[in-house]
Protein backbone atom coordinates (compact mmCIF):
# COMPACT_ATOMS: atom_id res chain seq x y z
CA MET A 1 -30.42 13.01 -2.64
CA GLN A 2 -29.33 9.54 -1.58
CA SER A 3 -32.63 7.90 -2.52
CA MET A 4 -32.70 9.80 -5.82
CA LEU A 5 -29.25 8.46 -6.68
CA GLU A 6 -30.23 4.93 -5.70
CA ASP A 7 -33.29 5.13 -7.99
CA GLU A 8 -31.14 6.38 -10.85
CA ILE A 9 -28.66 3.54 -10.29
CA ASP A 10 -31.51 1.04 -10.57
CA PHE A 11 -32.31 2.40 -14.05
CA THR A 12 -28.84 3.06 -15.44
CA ASN A 13 -26.50 0.77 -13.45
CA ASP A 14 -23.92 3.60 -13.48
CA CYS A 15 -20.88 2.75 -11.33
CA ASN A 16 -20.01 6.45 -10.96
CA LEU A 17 -23.31 7.09 -9.24
CA GLN A 18 -22.75 4.03 -7.03
CA TYR A 19 -19.41 5.52 -5.98
CA LEU A 20 -21.19 8.74 -5.01
CA VAL A 21 -23.75 6.81 -2.96
CA ASP A 22 -20.92 4.92 -1.22
CA LEU A 23 -19.27 8.23 -0.31
CA ILE A 24 -22.56 9.54 1.09
CA ASN A 25 -23.08 6.37 3.13
CA ASP A 26 -19.53 6.57 4.51
CA GLU A 27 -19.99 10.19 5.59
CA ILE A 28 -23.41 9.57 7.14
CA GLY A 29 -22.05 6.54 8.97
CA ILE A 30 -19.24 8.56 10.54
CA VAL A 31 -21.54 11.41 11.56
CA LEU A 32 -24.32 9.25 12.99
CA THR A 33 -22.31 6.57 14.76
CA GLY A 34 -19.15 8.51 15.52
CA SER A 35 -17.10 5.50 14.44
CA ILE A 36 -13.79 5.69 12.66
CA ASN A 37 -13.79 4.39 9.09
CA THR A 38 -10.87 1.95 8.86
CA GLY A 39 -10.47 -1.31 6.98
CA THR A 40 -8.76 -1.63 3.63
CA HIS A 41 -8.49 0.46 0.49
CA SER A 42 -7.93 -0.96 -2.99
CA ALA A 43 -5.63 1.19 -5.11
CA PRO A 44 -6.24 1.54 -8.87
CA ASN A 45 -3.55 -1.09 -9.52
CA CYS A 46 -5.42 -3.46 -7.13
CA LYS A 47 -2.92 -3.34 -4.26
CA GLU A 48 -4.64 -3.53 -0.88
CA TYR A 49 -3.71 -1.04 1.84
CA ALA A 50 -4.80 -1.35 5.45
CA VAL A 51 -6.23 1.90 6.84
CA THR A 52 -5.76 2.68 10.52
CA PHE A 53 -6.51 5.64 12.75
CA ASP A 54 -3.80 6.81 15.15
CA THR A 55 -5.61 8.18 18.19
CA THR A 56 -2.52 9.90 19.61
CA LYS A 57 -2.05 11.97 16.45
CA SER A 58 -5.76 12.01 15.49
CA ALA A 59 -4.83 11.07 11.95
CA TYR A 60 -5.29 8.32 9.38
CA THR A 61 -2.36 6.28 8.13
CA SER A 62 -1.49 2.89 6.67
CA PRO A 63 0.92 0.50 8.36
CA THR A 64 1.96 -0.80 4.94
CA PHE A 65 3.63 2.50 3.97
CA LYS A 66 7.42 2.39 3.78
CA VAL A 67 7.49 5.90 5.26
CA ILE A 68 4.62 6.44 7.69
CA THR A 69 2.60 9.48 6.60
CA TYR A 70 -0.41 10.89 8.46
CA PHE A 71 -3.55 12.44 6.98
CA ALA A 72 -6.34 14.51 8.52
CA ASN A 73 -9.10 12.43 6.93
CA ARG A 74 -9.57 9.11 5.19
CA ASP A 75 -10.32 10.73 1.83
CA SER A 76 -6.92 12.45 1.78
CA LEU A 77 -5.24 9.14 2.58
CA THR A 78 -7.03 7.28 -0.20
CA ARG A 79 -6.24 10.02 -2.72
CA TYR A 80 -2.56 9.81 -1.75
CA ILE A 81 -2.59 6.02 -2.15
CA ASP A 82 -4.32 6.31 -5.53
CA SER A 83 -1.81 8.90 -6.77
CA LYS A 84 1.11 6.62 -5.88
CA ASN A 85 -0.46 3.52 -7.47
CA PRO A 86 -1.68 4.47 -10.96
CA GLY A 87 -3.14 1.97 -13.36
CA ASP A 88 -6.26 -0.06 -13.81
CA CYS A 89 -6.06 -3.70 -12.86
CA HIS A 90 -9.51 -4.37 -14.26
CA ILE A 91 -8.34 -3.87 -17.87
CA ASN A 92 -6.66 -6.83 -19.54
CA SER A 93 -3.32 -5.74 -20.97
CA TYR A 94 -1.29 -7.87 -23.33
């Protein structure tokens, strides 16, 4: 499926398909290497949030939160961040 999507992206340059490929690569990377996916996440309004993994609670969080909240997986954390930061910083607004 991954190679099929990559071929389709080459023809259409569809960013939605690229997002799907990125999700697949993230999941495969966690399963194969056993590493924790941290780093940063860009919210829709272009704010950057650091993503950390708390080993004592076995949960993802962000140290930039005003109230520290824990999530079972990185996807839940990024959805929470996106829901609290609506907008689209890539559209020029006047």
